[in-house]
Amino acid sequence: MAWLISKYLITAAVVVIVSEAAKRSDRLGGLLAALPLVTVLALIWLYVERQPQVKIANHAWYTFWYVVPTLPMFLAFPMLLPRLGFWPTLLACVLITVVCFWLFALLVRRFGIELL
């Protein structure tokens, strides 16, 4: 149980550090948020918990493919925010991401990559 609590605390601390850095510097916050910190932590947790190497490798593989369709959201958000406000922009970006993910999954399926 202590291990699980430690994992939660360390992972939550990463999110807090990124949000606090973003308050002070847009660039630093963006840089830290762009780093795959959650993925690195997940890979560490999988390794420390003695998961098979194939499972760890698959996690990295699928993370790559799932990141690609999220990228349009980061372009849409700054354009929509002044026009729509925060909550409608966030909702629109979630919808954009879902649509992009679905279209991307259909596209890569043609190359033998199953995301859905």
PDB file of N, CA and C in Angstrom:
ATOM      1  N   MET A   1       0.818  -1.196   0.000  1.00  0.00           N
ATOM      2  CA  MET A   1       0.000   0.000   0.000  1.00  0.00           C
ATOM      3  C   MET A   1       0.864   1.263   0.000  1.00  0.00           C
ATOM      4  N   ALA A   2       1.975   1.224   0.742  1.00  0.00           N
ATOM      5  CA  ALA A   2       2.878   2.377   0.797  1.00  0.00           C
ATOM      6  C   ALA A   2       3.451   2.667  -0.584  1.00  0.00           C
ATOM      7  N   TRP A   3       3.726   1.588  -1.356  1.00  0.00           N
ATOM      8  CA  TRP A   3       4.256   1.767  -2.709  1.00  0.00           C
ATOM      9  C   TRP A   3       3.241   2.499  -3.582  1.00  0.00           C
ATOM     10  N   LEU A   4       2.003   2.115  -3.504  1.00  0.00           N
ATOM     11  CA  LEU A   4       0.953   2.736  -4.305  1.00  0.00           C
ATOM     12  C   LEU A   4       0.786   4.214  -3.925  1.00  0.00           C
ATOM     13  N   ILE A   5       0.799   4.512  -2.657  1.00  0.00           N
ATOM     14  CA  ILE A   5       0.692   5.901  -2.193  1.00  0.00           C
ATOM     15  C   ILE A   5       1.886   6.714  -2.687  1.00  0.00           C
ATOM     16  N   SER A   6       3.088   6.121  -2.628  1.00  0.00           N
ATOM     17  CA  SER A   6       4.279   6.808  -3.126  1.00  0.00           C
ATOM     18  C   SER A   6       4.154   7.117  -4.611  1.00  0.00           C
ATOM     19  N   LYS A   7       3.645   6.159  -5.386  1.00  0.00           N
ATOM     20  CA  LYS A   7       3.457   6.380  -6.822  1.00  0.00           C
ATOM     21  C   LYS A   7       2.506   7.550  -7.062  1.00  0.00           C
ATOM     22  N   TYR A   8       1.405   7.577  -6.339  1.00  0.00           N
ATOM     23  CA  TYR A   8       0.438   8.671  -6.479  1.00  0.00           C
ATOM     24  C   TYR A   8       1.068  10.017  -6.133  1.00  0.00           C
ATOM     25  N   LEU A   9       1.792  10.063  -5.032  1.00  0.00           N
ATOM     26  CA  LEU A   9       2.386  11.326  -4.585  1.00  0.00           C
ATOM     27  C   LEU A   9       3.439  11.840  -5.564  1.00  0.00           C
ATOM     28  N   ILE A  10       4.286  10.967  -6.052  1.00  0.00           N
ATOM     29  CA  ILE A  10       5.325  11.380  -7.001  1.00  0.00           C
ATOM     30  C   ILE A  10       4.694  11.843  -8.307  1.00  0.00           C
ATOM     31  N   THR A  11       3.730  11.094  -8.799  1.00  0.00           N
ATOM     32  CA  THR A  11       3.069  11.442 -10.053  1.00  0.00           C
ATOM     33  C   THR A  11       2.303  12.755  -9.911  1.00  0.00           C
ATOM     34  N   ALA A  12       1.611  12.942  -8.804  1.00  0.00           N
ATOM     35  CA  ALA A  12       0.887  14.197  -8.563  1.00  0.00           C
ATOM     36  C   ALA A  12       1.859  15.365  -8.440  1.00  0.00           C
ATOM     37  N   ALA A  13       2.997  15.131  -7.831  1.00  0.00           N
ATOM     38  CA  ALA A  13       3.991  16.196  -7.684  1.00  0.00           C
ATOM     39  C   ALA A  13       4.464  16.693  -9.052  1.00  0.00           C
ATOM     40  N   VAL A  14       4.584  15.802 -10.000  1.00  0.00           N
ATOM     41  CA  VAL A  14       4.997  16.210 -11.353  1.00  0.00           C
ATOM     42  C   VAL A  14       3.984  17.182 -11.939  1.00  0.00           C
ATOM     43  N   VAL A  15       2.703  16.886 -11.793  1.00  0.00           N
ATOM     44  CA  VAL A  15       1.649  17.753 -12.326  1.00  0.00           C
ATOM     45  C   VAL A  15       1.683  19.112 -11.625  1.00  0.00           C
ATOM     46  N   VAL A  16       1.852  19.112 -10.329  1.00  0.00           N
ATOM     47  CA  VAL A  16       1.904  20.368  -9.569  1.00  0.00           C
ATOM     48  C   VAL A  16       3.120  21.193  -9.986  1.00  0.00           C
ATOM     49  N   ILE A  17       4.261  20.556 -10.138  1.00  0.00           N
ATOM     50  CA  ILE A  17       5.476  21.273 -10.543  1.00  0.00           C
ATOM     51  C   ILE A  17       5.288  21.915 -11.911  1.00  0.00           C
ATOM     52  N   VAL A  18       4.705  21.185 -12.850  1.00  0.00           N
ATOM     53  CA  VAL A  18       4.476  21.735 -14.194  1.00  0.00           C
ATOM     54  C   VAL A  18       3.520  22.923 -14.132  1.00  0.00           C
ATOM     55  N   SER A  19       2.425  22.804 -13.380  1.00  0.00           N
ATOM     56  CA  SER A  19       1.462  23.907 -13.317  1.00  0.00           C
ATOM     57  C   SER A  19       2.044  25.122 -12.603  1.00  0.00           C
ATOM     58  N   GLU A  20       2.851  24.906 -11.585  1.00  0.00           N
ATOM     59  CA  GLU A  20       3.490  26.020 -10.892  1.00  0.00           C
ATOM     60  C   GLU A  20       4.531  26.698 -11.791  1.00  0.00           C
ATOM     61  N   ALA A  21       5.276  25.901 -12.544  1.00  0.00           N
ATOM     62  CA  ALA A  21       6.255  26.476 -13.478  1.00  0.00           C
ATOM     63  C   ALA A  21       5.539  27.295 -14.558  1.00  0.00           C
ATOM     64  N   ALA A  22       4.389  26.810 -15.011  1.00  0.00           N
ATOM     65  CA  ALA A  22       3.629  27.522 -16.054  1.00  0.00           C
ATOM     66  C   ALA A  22       3.117  28.868 -15.547  1.00  0.00           C
ATOM     67  N   LYS A  23       2.847  28.988 -14.250  1.00  0.00           N
ATOM     68  CA  LYS A  23       2.428  30.270 -13.685  1.00  0.00           C
ATOM     69  C   LYS A  23       3.531  31.312 -13.808  1.00  0.00           C
ATOM     70  N   ARG A  24       4.763  30.858 -13.678  1.00  0.00           N
ATOM     71  CA  ARG A  24       5.894  31.770 -13.669  1.00  0.00           C
ATOM     72  C   ARG A  24       6.450  32.051 -15.068  1.00  0.00           C
ATOM     73  N   SER A  25       6.375  31.050 -15.935  1.00  0.00           N
ATOM     74  CA  SER A  25       6.933  31.206 -17.277  1.00  0.00           C
ATOM     75  C   SER A  25       6.138  30.350 -18.259  1.00  0.00           C
ATOM     76  N   ASP A  26       5.551  30.997 -19.268  1.00  0.00           N
ATOM     77  CA  ASP A  26       4.817  30.256 -20.285  1.00  0.00           C
ATOM     78  C   ASP A  26       5.722  29.251 -20.984  1.00  0.00           C
ATOM     79  N   ARG A  27       6.922  29.693 -21.309  1.00  0.00           N
ATOM     80  CA  ARG A  27       7.852  28.823 -22.039  1.00  0.00           C
ATOM     81  C   ARG A  27       8.306  27.645 -21.197  1.00  0.00           C
ATOM     82  N   LEU A  28       8.683  27.898 -19.955  1.00  0.00           N
ATOM     83  CA  LEU A  28       9.135  26.804 -19.090  1.00  0.00           C
ATOM     84  C   LEU A  28       7.995  25.828 -18.826  1.00  0.00           C
ATOM     85  N   GLY A  29       6.809  26.356 -18.554  1.00  0.00           N
ATOM     86  CA  GLY A  29       5.648  25.490 -18.341  1.00  0.00           C
ATOM     87  C   GLY A  29       5.349  24.641 -19.567  1.00  0.00           C
ATOM     88  N   GLY A  30       5.419  25.263 -20.745  1.00  0.00           N
ATOM     89  CA  GLY A  30       5.189  24.521 -21.984  1.00  0.00           C
ATOM     90  C   GLY A  30       6.244  23.456 -22.212  1.00  0.00           C
ATOM     91  N   LEU A  31       7.495  23.809 -21.950  1.00  0.00           N
ATOM     92  CA  LEU A  31       8.577  22.837 -22.115  1.00  0.00           C
ATOM     93  C   LEU A  31       8.390  21.637 -21.190  1.00  0.00           C
ATOM     94  N   LEU A  32       8.120  21.914 -19.924  1.00  0.00           N
ATOM     95  CA  LEU A  32       7.923  20.820 -18.968  1.00  0.00           C
ATOM     96  C   LEU A  32       6.709  19.972 -19.321  1.00  0.00           C
ATOM     97  N   ALA A  33       5.639  20.633 -19.776  1.00  0.00           N
ATOM     98  CA  ALA A  33       4.438  19.887 -20.150  1.00  0.00           C
ATOM     99  C   ALA A  33       4.676  19.038 -21.394  1.00  0.00           C
ATOM    100  N   ALA A  34       5.558  19.508 -22.286  1.00  0.00           N
ATOM    101  CA  ALA A  34       5.835  18.766 -23.512  1.00  0.00           C
ATOM    102  C   ALA A  34       6.720  17.548 -23.265  1.00  0.00           C
ATOM    103  N   LEU A  35       7.474  17.584 -22.180  1.00  0.00           N
ATOM    104  CA  LEU A  35       8.302  16.423 -21.872  1.00  0.00           C
ATOM    105  C   LEU A  35       7.393  15.251 -21.523  1.00  0.00           C
ATOM    106  N   PRO A  36       7.755  14.077 -21.931  1.00  0.00           N
ATOM    107  CA  PRO A  36       6.898  12.923 -21.634  1.00  0.00           C
ATOM    108  C   PRO A  36       7.083  12.417 -20.204  1.00  0.00           C
ATOM    109  N   LEU A  37       6.901  13.322 -19.232  1.00  0.00           N
ATOM    110  CA  LEU A  37       7.152  12.974 -17.834  1.00  0.00           C
ATOM    111  C   LEU A  37       6.241  11.862 -17.324  1.00  0.00           C
ATOM    112  N   VAL A  38       4.972  11.928 -17.689  1.00  0.00           N
ATOM    113  CA  VAL A  38       4.036  10.889 -17.231  1.00  0.00           C
ATOM    114  C   VAL A  38       4.425   9.546 -17.842  1.00  0.00           C
ATOM    115  N   THR A  39       4.794   9.559 -19.108  1.00  0.00           N
ATOM    116  CA  THR A  39       5.201   8.318 -19.763  1.00  0.00           C
ATOM    117  C   THR A  39       6.477   7.772 -19.134  1.00  0.00           C
ATOM    118  N   VAL A  40       7.441   8.653 -18.871  1.00  0.00           N
ATOM    119  CA  VAL A  40       8.678   8.203 -18.236  1.00  0.00           C
ATOM    120  C   VAL A  40       8.376   7.590 -16.870  1.00  0.00           C
ATOM    121  N   LEU A  41       7.521   8.246 -16.092  1.00  0.00           N
ATOM    122  CA  LEU A  41       7.141   7.678 -14.789  1.00  0.00           C
ATOM    123  C   LEU A  41       6.439   6.332 -14.956  1.00  0.00           C
ATOM    124  N   ALA A  42       5.533   6.242 -15.917  1.00  0.00           N
ATOM    125  CA  ALA A  42       4.830   4.974 -16.144  1.00  0.00           C
ATOM    126  C   ALA A  42       5.813   3.868 -16.525  1.00  0.00           C
ATOM    127  N   LEU A  43       6.791   4.192 -17.373  1.00  0.00           N
ATOM    128  CA  LEU A  43       7.798   3.193 -17.747  1.00  0.00           C
ATOM    129  C   LEU A  43       8.615   2.771 -16.532  1.00  0.00           C
ATOM    130  N   ILE A  44       8.956   3.749 -15.703  1.00  0.00           N
ATOM    131  CA  ILE A  44       9.701   3.414 -14.472  1.00  0.00           C
ATOM    132  C   ILE A  44       8.866   2.518 -13.574  1.00  0.00           C
ATOM    133  N   TRP A  45       7.586   2.879 -13.367  1.00  0.00           N
ATOM    134  CA  TRP A  45       6.727   2.070 -12.492  1.00  0.00           C
ATOM    135  C   TRP A  45       6.595   0.648 -13.042  1.00  0.00           C
ATOM    136  N   LEU A  46       6.416   0.525 -14.355  1.00  0.00           N
ATOM    137  CA  LEU A  46       6.302  -0.812 -14.956  1.00  0.00           C
ATOM    138  C   LEU A  46       7.579  -1.615 -14.732  1.00  0.00           C
ATOM    139  N   TYR A  47       8.730  -0.970 -14.916  1.00  0.00           N
ATOM    140  CA  TYR A  47      10.012  -1.655 -14.739  1.00  0.00           C
ATOM    141  C   TYR A  47      10.217  -2.074 -13.286  1.00  0.00           C
ATOM    142  N   VAL A  48       9.998  -1.136 -12.369  1.00  0.00           N
ATOM    143  CA  VAL A  48      10.204  -1.424 -10.944  1.00  0.00           C
ATOM    144  C   VAL A  48       9.261  -2.532 -10.477  1.00  0.00           C
ATOM    145  N   GLU A  49       8.076  -2.581 -11.057  1.00  0.00           N
ATOM    146  CA  GLU A  49       7.110  -3.625 -10.689  1.00  0.00           C
ATOM    147  C   GLU A  49       7.320  -4.915 -11.482  1.00  0.00           C
ATOM    148  N   ARG A  50       8.474  -5.011 -12.136  1.00  0.00           N
ATOM    149  CA  ARG A  50       8.919  -6.220 -12.831  1.00  0.00           C
ATOM    150  C   ARG A  50       7.968  -6.708 -13.919  1.00  0.00           C
ATOM    151  N   GLN A  51       7.436  -5.754 -14.663  1.00  0.00           N
ATOM    152  CA  GLN A  51       6.611  -6.124 -15.810  1.00  0.00           C
ATOM    153  C   GLN A  51       7.527  -6.630 -16.922  1.00  0.00           C
ATOM    154  N   PRO A  52       7.028  -7.504 -17.778  1.00  0.00           N
ATOM    155  CA  PRO A  52       7.866  -8.013 -18.869  1.00  0.00           C
ATOM    156  C   PRO A  52       8.311  -6.880 -19.800  1.00  0.00           C
ATOM    157  N   GLN A  53       9.499  -7.040 -20.383  1.00  0.00           N
ATOM    158  CA  GLN A  53      10.025  -6.018 -21.280  1.00  0.00           C
ATOM    159  C   GLN A  53       9.081  -5.745 -22.443  1.00  0.00           C
ATOM    160  N   VAL A  54       8.411  -6.777 -22.931  1.00  0.00           N
ATOM    161  CA  VAL A  54       7.493  -6.571 -24.059  1.00  0.00           C
ATOM    162  C   VAL A  54       6.343  -5.654 -23.656  1.00  0.00           C
ATOM    163  N   LYS A  55       5.876  -5.750 -22.428  1.00  0.00           N
ATOM    164  CA  LYS A  55       4.808  -4.874 -21.941  1.00  0.00           C
ATOM    165  C   LYS A  55       5.302  -3.429 -21.859  1.00  0.00           C
ATOM    166  N   ILE A  56       6.511  -3.233 -21.365  1.00  0.00           N
ATOM    167  CA  ILE A  56       7.079  -1.891 -21.257  1.00  0.00           C
ATOM    168  C   ILE A  56       7.290  -1.301 -22.651  1.00  0.00           C
ATOM    169  N   ALA A  57       7.820  -2.103 -23.557  1.00  0.00           N
ATOM    170  CA  ALA A  57       8.043  -1.641 -24.937  1.00  0.00           C
ATOM    171  C   ALA A  57       6.718  -1.304 -25.609  1.00  0.00           C
ATOM    172  N   ASN A  58       5.701  -2.131 -25.408  1.00  0.00           N
ATOM    173  CA  ASN A  58       4.385  -1.855 -25.995  1.00  0.00           C
ATOM    174  C   ASN A  58       3.799  -0.551 -25.465  1.00  0.00           C
ATOM    175  N   HIS A  59       4.027  -0.280 -24.195  1.00  0.00           N
ATOM    176  CA  HIS A  59       3.525   0.977 -23.627  1.00  0.00           C
ATOM    177  C   HIS A  59       4.135   2.167 -24.360  1.00  0.00           C
ATOM    178  N   ALA A  60       5.437   2.140 -24.573  1.00  0.00           N
ATOM    179  CA  ALA A  60       6.108   3.230 -25.297  1.00  0.00           C
ATOM    180  C   ALA A  60       5.616   3.307 -26.743  1.00  0.00           C
ATOM    181  N   TRP A  61       5.458   2.164 -27.379  1.00  0.00           N
ATOM    182  CA  TRP A  61       4.999   2.105 -28.771  1.00  0.00           C
ATOM    183  C   TRP A  61       3.619   2.738 -28.925  1.00  0.00           C
ATOM    184  N   TYR A  62       2.679   2.309 -28.105  1.00  0.00           N
ATOM    185  CA  TYR A  62       1.318   2.844 -28.220  1.00  0.00           C
ATOM    186  C   TYR A  62       1.241   4.301 -27.774  1.00  0.00           C
ATOM    187  N   THR A  63       2.054   4.695 -26.812  1.00  0.00           N
ATOM    188  CA  THR A  63       2.065   6.097 -26.402  1.00  0.00           C
ATOM    189  C   THR A  63       2.425   6.986 -27.583  1.00  0.00           C
ATOM    190  N   PHE A  64       3.421   6.577 -28.361  1.00  0.00           N
ATOM    191  CA  PHE A  64       3.791   7.347 -29.548  1.00  0.00           C
ATOM    192  C   PHE A  64       2.590   7.531 -30.468  1.00  0.00           C
ATOM    193  N   TRP A  65       1.922   6.452 -30.784  1.00  0.00           N
ATOM    194  CA  TRP A  65       0.803   6.533 -31.732  1.00  0.00           C
ATOM    195  C   TRP A  65      -0.378   7.305 -31.163  1.00  0.00           C
ATOM    196  N   TYR A  66      -0.573   7.282 -29.860  1.00  0.00           N
ATOM    197  CA  TYR A  66      -1.689   8.019 -29.263  1.00  0.00           C
ATOM    198  C   TYR A  66      -1.387   9.513 -29.115  1.00  0.00           C
ATOM    199  N   VAL A  67      -0.119   9.884 -29.082  1.00  0.00           N
ATOM    200  CA  VAL A  67       0.242  11.299 -28.973  1.00  0.00           C
ATOM    201  C   VAL A  67      -0.029  12.040 -30.284  1.00  0.00           C
ATOM    202  N   VAL A  68       0.261  11.403 -31.403  1.00  0.00           N
ATOM    203  CA  VAL A  68       0.162  12.074 -32.703  1.00  0.00           C
ATOM    204  C   VAL A  68      -1.198  12.748 -32.921  1.00  0.00           C
ATOM    205  N   PRO A  69      -2.330  12.069 -32.705  1.00  0.00           N
ATOM    206  CA  PRO A  69      -3.608  12.752 -32.962  1.00  0.00           C
ATOM    207  C   PRO A  69      -4.000  13.796 -31.918  1.00  0.00           C
ATOM    208  N   THR A  70      -3.230  13.929 -30.849  1.00  0.00           N
ATOM    209  CA  THR A  70      -3.534  14.982 -29.872  1.00  0.00           C
ATOM    210  C   THR A  70      -2.911  16.319 -30.263  1.00  0.00           C
ATOM    211  N   LEU A  71      -1.957  16.310 -31.164  1.00  0.00           N
ATOM    212  CA  LEU A  71      -1.218  17.532 -31.504  1.00  0.00           C
ATOM    213  C   LEU A  71      -2.087  18.654 -32.067  1.00  0.00           C
ATOM    214  N   PRO A  72      -3.091  18.379 -32.922  1.00  0.00           N
ATOM    215  CA  PRO A  72      -3.919  19.491 -33.413  1.00  0.00           C
ATOM    216  C   PRO A  72      -4.597  20.295 -32.302  1.00  0.00           C
ATOM    217  N   MET A  73      -4.888  19.655 -31.179  1.00  0.00           N
ATOM    218  CA  MET A  73      -5.516  20.363 -30.069  1.00  0.00           C
ATOM    219  C   MET A  73      -4.653  21.530 -29.597  1.00  0.00           C
ATOM    220  N   PHE A  74      -3.331  21.331 -29.591  1.00  0.00           N
ATOM    221  CA  PHE A  74      -2.435  22.374 -29.104  1.00  0.00           C
ATOM    222  C   PHE A  74      -2.364  23.564 -30.055  1.00  0.00           C
ATOM    223  N   LEU A  75      -2.703  23.352 -31.300  1.00  0.00           N
ATOM    224  CA  LEU A  75      -2.788  24.462 -32.245  1.00  0.00           C
ATOM    225  C   LEU A  75      -4.149  25.145 -32.169  1.00  0.00           C
ATOM    226  N   ALA A  76      -5.203  24.346 -31.972  1.00  0.00           N
ATOM    227  CA  ALA A  76      -6.556  24.895 -31.930  1.00  0.00           C
ATOM    228  C   ALA A  76      -6.814  25.696 -30.653  1.00  0.00           C
ATOM    229  N   PHE A  77      -6.280  25.246 -29.524  1.00  0.00           N
ATOM    230  CA  PHE A  77      -6.576  25.885 -28.243  1.00  0.00           C
ATOM    231  C   PHE A  77      -6.268  27.382 -28.238  1.00  0.00           C
ATOM    232  N   PRO A  78      -5.052  27.812 -28.608  1.00  0.00           N
ATOM    233  CA  PRO A  78      -4.782  29.254 -28.556  1.00  0.00           C
ATOM    234  C   PRO A  78      -5.610  30.065 -29.552  1.00  0.00           C
ATOM    235  N   MET A  79      -6.029  29.442 -30.643  1.00  0.00           N
ATOM    236  CA  MET A  79      -6.857  30.167 -31.620  1.00  0.00           C
ATOM    237  C   MET A  79      -8.307  30.299 -31.145  1.00  0.00           C
ATOM    238  N   LEU A  80      -8.808  29.264 -30.467  1.00  0.00           N
ATOM    239  CA  LEU A  80     -10.207  29.277 -30.038  1.00  0.00           C
ATOM    240  C   LEU A  80     -10.429  30.019 -28.719  1.00  0.00           C
ATOM    241  N   LEU A  81      -9.438  30.033 -27.862  1.00  0.00           N
ATOM    242  CA  LEU A  81      -9.603  30.612 -26.523  1.00  0.00           C
ATOM    243  C   LEU A  81     -10.116  32.047 -26.534  1.00  0.00           C
ATOM    244  N   PRO A  82      -9.536  32.959 -27.325  1.00  0.00           N
ATOM    245  CA  PRO A  82     -10.060  34.336 -27.297  1.00  0.00           C
ATOM    246  C   PRO A  82     -11.468  34.457 -27.872  1.00  0.00           C
ATOM    247  N   ARG A  83     -11.846  33.526 -28.731  1.00  0.00           N
ATOM    248  CA  ARG A  83     -13.168  33.592 -29.374  1.00  0.00           C
ATOM    249  C   ARG A  83     -14.277  32.940 -28.540  1.00  0.00           C
ATOM    250  N   LEU A  84     -13.930  31.840 -27.860  1.00  0.00           N
ATOM    251  CA  LEU A  84     -14.961  31.047 -27.187  1.00  0.00           C
ATOM    252  C   LEU A  84     -14.922  31.117 -25.666  1.00  0.00           C
ATOM    253  N   GLY A  85     -13.782  31.465 -25.093  1.00  0.00           N
ATOM    254  CA  GLY A  85     -13.617  31.376 -23.646  1.00  0.00           C
ATOM    255  C   GLY A  85     -13.039  30.016 -23.276  1.00  0.00           C
ATOM    256  N   PHE A  86     -12.689  29.873 -22.009  1.00  0.00           N
ATOM    257  CA  PHE A  86     -11.949  28.686 -21.576  1.00  0.00           C
ATOM    258  C   PHE A  86     -12.724  27.378 -21.717  1.00  0.00           C
ATOM    259  N   TRP A  87     -13.885  27.268 -21.073  1.00  0.00           N
ATOM    260  CA  TRP A  87     -14.592  25.975 -21.037  1.00  0.00           C
ATOM    261  C   TRP A  87     -15.073  25.526 -22.419  1.00  0.00           C
ATOM    262  N   PRO A  88     -15.676  26.407 -23.219  1.00  0.00           N
ATOM    263  CA  PRO A  88     -16.047  25.970 -24.574  1.00  0.00           C
ATOM    264  C   PRO A  88     -14.828  25.572 -25.418  1.00  0.00           C
ATOM    265  N   THR A  89     -13.721  26.286 -25.245  1.00  0.00           N
ATOM    266  CA  THR A  89     -12.498  25.934 -25.974  1.00  0.00           C
ATOM    267  C   THR A  89     -11.997  24.567 -25.547  1.00  0.00           C
ATOM    268  N   LEU A  90     -12.009  24.326 -24.249  1.00  0.00           N
ATOM    269  CA  LEU A  90     -11.555  23.025 -23.755  1.00  0.00           C
ATOM    270  C   LEU A  90     -12.432  21.905 -24.307  1.00  0.00           C
ATOM    271  N   LEU A  91     -13.739  22.109 -24.283  1.00  0.00           N
ATOM    272  CA  LEU A  91     -14.663  21.112 -24.831  1.00  0.00           C
ATOM    273  C   LEU A  91     -14.420  20.912 -26.327  1.00  0.00           C
ATOM    274  N   ALA A  92     -14.257  21.996 -27.065  1.00  0.00           N
ATOM    275  CA  ALA A  92     -14.000  21.899 -28.503  1.00  0.00           C
ATOM    276  C   ALA A  92     -12.699  21.139 -28.763  1.00  0.00           C
ATOM    277  N   CYS A  93     -11.694  21.385 -27.956  1.00  0.00           N
ATOM    278  CA  CYS A  93     -10.418  20.704 -28.137  1.00  0.00           C
ATOM    279  C   CYS A  93     -10.508  19.212 -27.819  1.00  0.00           C
ATOM    280  N   VAL A  94     -11.311  18.870 -26.827  1.00  0.00           N
ATOM    281  CA  VAL A  94     -11.538  17.447 -26.544  1.00  0.00           C
ATOM    282  C   VAL A  94     -12.218  16.790 -27.742  1.00  0.00           C
ATOM    283  N   LEU A  95     -13.219  17.452 -28.298  1.00  0.00           N
ATOM    284  CA  LEU A  95     -13.907  16.912 -29.472  1.00  0.00           C
ATOM    285  C   LEU A  95     -12.967  16.811 -30.673  1.00  0.00           C
ATOM    286  N   ILE A  96     -12.146  17.831 -30.875  1.00  0.00           N
ATOM    287  CA  ILE A  96     -11.158  17.794 -31.959  1.00  0.00           C
ATOM    288  C   ILE A  96     -10.227  16.601 -31.783  1.00  0.00           C
ATOM    289  N   THR A  97      -9.786  16.379 -30.559  1.00  0.00           N
ATOM    290  CA  THR A  97      -8.872  15.272 -30.285  1.00  0.00           C
ATOM    291  C   THR A  97      -9.541  13.930 -30.553  1.00  0.00           C
ATOM    292  N   VAL A  98     -10.796  13.779 -30.130  1.00  0.00           N
ATOM    293  CA  VAL A  98     -11.514  12.517 -30.361  1.00  0.00           C
ATOM    294  C   VAL A  98     -11.654  12.259 -31.857  1.00  0.00           C
ATOM    295  N   VAL A  99     -12.053  13.275 -32.608  1.00  0.00           N
ATOM    296  CA  VAL A  99     -12.214  13.119 -34.059  1.00  0.00           C
ATOM    297  C   VAL A  99     -10.861  12.810 -34.710  1.00  0.00           C
ATOM    298  N   CYS A 100      -9.824  13.547 -34.334  1.00  0.00           N
ATOM    299  CA  CYS A 100      -8.495  13.300 -34.898  1.00  0.00           C
ATOM    300  C   CYS A 100      -8.012  11.892 -34.563  1.00  0.00           C
ATOM    301  N   PHE A 101      -8.257  11.463 -33.336  1.00  0.00           N
ATOM    302  CA  PHE A 101      -7.842  10.126 -32.945  1.00  0.00           C
ATOM    303  C   PHE A 101      -8.565   9.075 -33.777  1.00  0.00           C
ATOM    304  N   TRP A 102      -9.856   9.223 -33.945  1.00  0.00           N
ATOM    305  CA  TRP A 102     -10.639   8.256 -34.707  1.00  0.00           C
ATOM    306  C   TRP A 102     -10.158   8.196 -36.162  1.00  0.00           C
ATOM    307  N   LEU A 103      -9.969   9.375 -36.775  1.00  0.00           N
ATOM    308  CA  LEU A 103      -9.494   9.421 -38.162  1.00  0.00           C
ATOM    309  C   LEU A 103      -8.074   8.840 -38.271  1.00  0.00           C
ATOM    310  N   PHE A 104      -7.234   9.162 -37.315  1.00  0.00           N
ATOM    311  CA  PHE A 104      -5.866   8.655 -37.316  1.00  0.00           C
ATOM    312  C   PHE A 104      -5.847   7.133 -37.160  1.00  0.00           C
ATOM    313  N   ALA A 105      -6.700   6.618 -36.282  1.00  0.00           N
ATOM    314  CA  ALA A 105      -6.774   5.166 -36.082  1.00  0.00           C
ATOM    315  C   ALA A 105      -7.199   4.466 -37.373  1.00  0.00           C
ATOM    316  N   LEU A 106      -8.143   5.070 -38.099  1.00  0.00           N
ATOM    317  CA  LEU A 106      -8.556   4.497 -39.386  1.00  0.00           C
ATOM    318  C   LEU A 106      -7.403   4.526 -40.385  1.00  0.00           C
ATOM    319  N   LEU A 107      -6.656   5.615 -40.395  1.00  0.00           N
ATOM    320  CA  LEU A 107      -5.531   5.755 -41.321  1.00  0.00           C
ATOM    321  C   LEU A 107      -4.439   4.725 -41.050  1.00  0.00           C
ATOM    322  N   VAL A 108      -3.996   4.622 -39.788  1.00  0.00           N
ATOM    323  CA  VAL A 108      -2.871   3.722 -39.492  1.00  0.00           C
ATOM    324  C   VAL A 108      -3.277   2.256 -39.549  1.00  0.00           C
ATOM    325  N   ARG A 109      -4.567   1.986 -39.460  1.00  0.00           N
ATOM    326  CA  ARG A 109      -5.043   0.594 -39.597  1.00  0.00           C
ATOM    327  C   ARG A 109      -4.622   0.040 -40.947  1.00  0.00           C
ATOM    328  N   ARG A 110      -4.588   0.912 -41.968  1.00  0.00           N
ATOM    329  CA  ARG A 110      -4.167   0.479 -43.306  1.00  0.00           C
ATOM    330  C   ARG A 110      -2.736  -0.018 -43.330  1.00  0.00           C
ATOM    331  N   PHE A 111      -1.955   0.381 -42.325  1.00  0.00           N
ATOM    332  CA  PHE A 111      -0.546  -0.033 -42.238  1.00  0.00           C
ATOM    333  C   PHE A 111      -0.345  -1.115 -41.184  1.00  0.00           C
ATOM    334  N   GLY A 112      -1.442  -1.706 -40.723  1.00  0.00           N
ATOM    335  CA  GLY A 112      -1.362  -2.796 -39.766  1.00  0.00           C
ATOM    336  C   GLY A 112      -1.204  -2.397 -38.317  1.00  0.00           C
ATOM    337  N   ILE A 113      -1.482  -1.130 -38.017  1.00  0.00           N
ATOM    338  CA  ILE A 113      -1.368  -0.656 -36.625  1.00  0.00           C
ATOM    339  C   ILE A 113      -2.780  -0.504 -36.083  1.00  0.00           C
ATOM    340  N   GLU A 114      -3.110  -1.313 -35.089  1.00  0.00           N
ATOM    341  CA  GLU A 114      -4.458  -1.305 -34.494  1.00  0.00           C
ATOM    342  C   GLU A 114      -4.447  -0.484 -33.216  1.00  0.00           C
ATOM    343  N   LEU A 115      -5.134   0.654 -33.246  1.00  0.00           N
ATOM    344  CA  LEU A 115      -5.205   1.523 -32.066  1.00  0.00           C
ATOM    345  C   LEU A 115      -6.544   1.402 -31.349  1.00  0.00           C
ATOM    346  N   LEU A 116      -7.553   0.972 -32.039  1.00  0.00           N
ATOM    347  CA  LEU A 116      -8.875   0.835 -31.414  1.00  0.00           C
ATOM    348  C   LEU A 116      -9.184  -0.617 -31.136  1.00  0.00           C
TER     349      LEU A 116
END
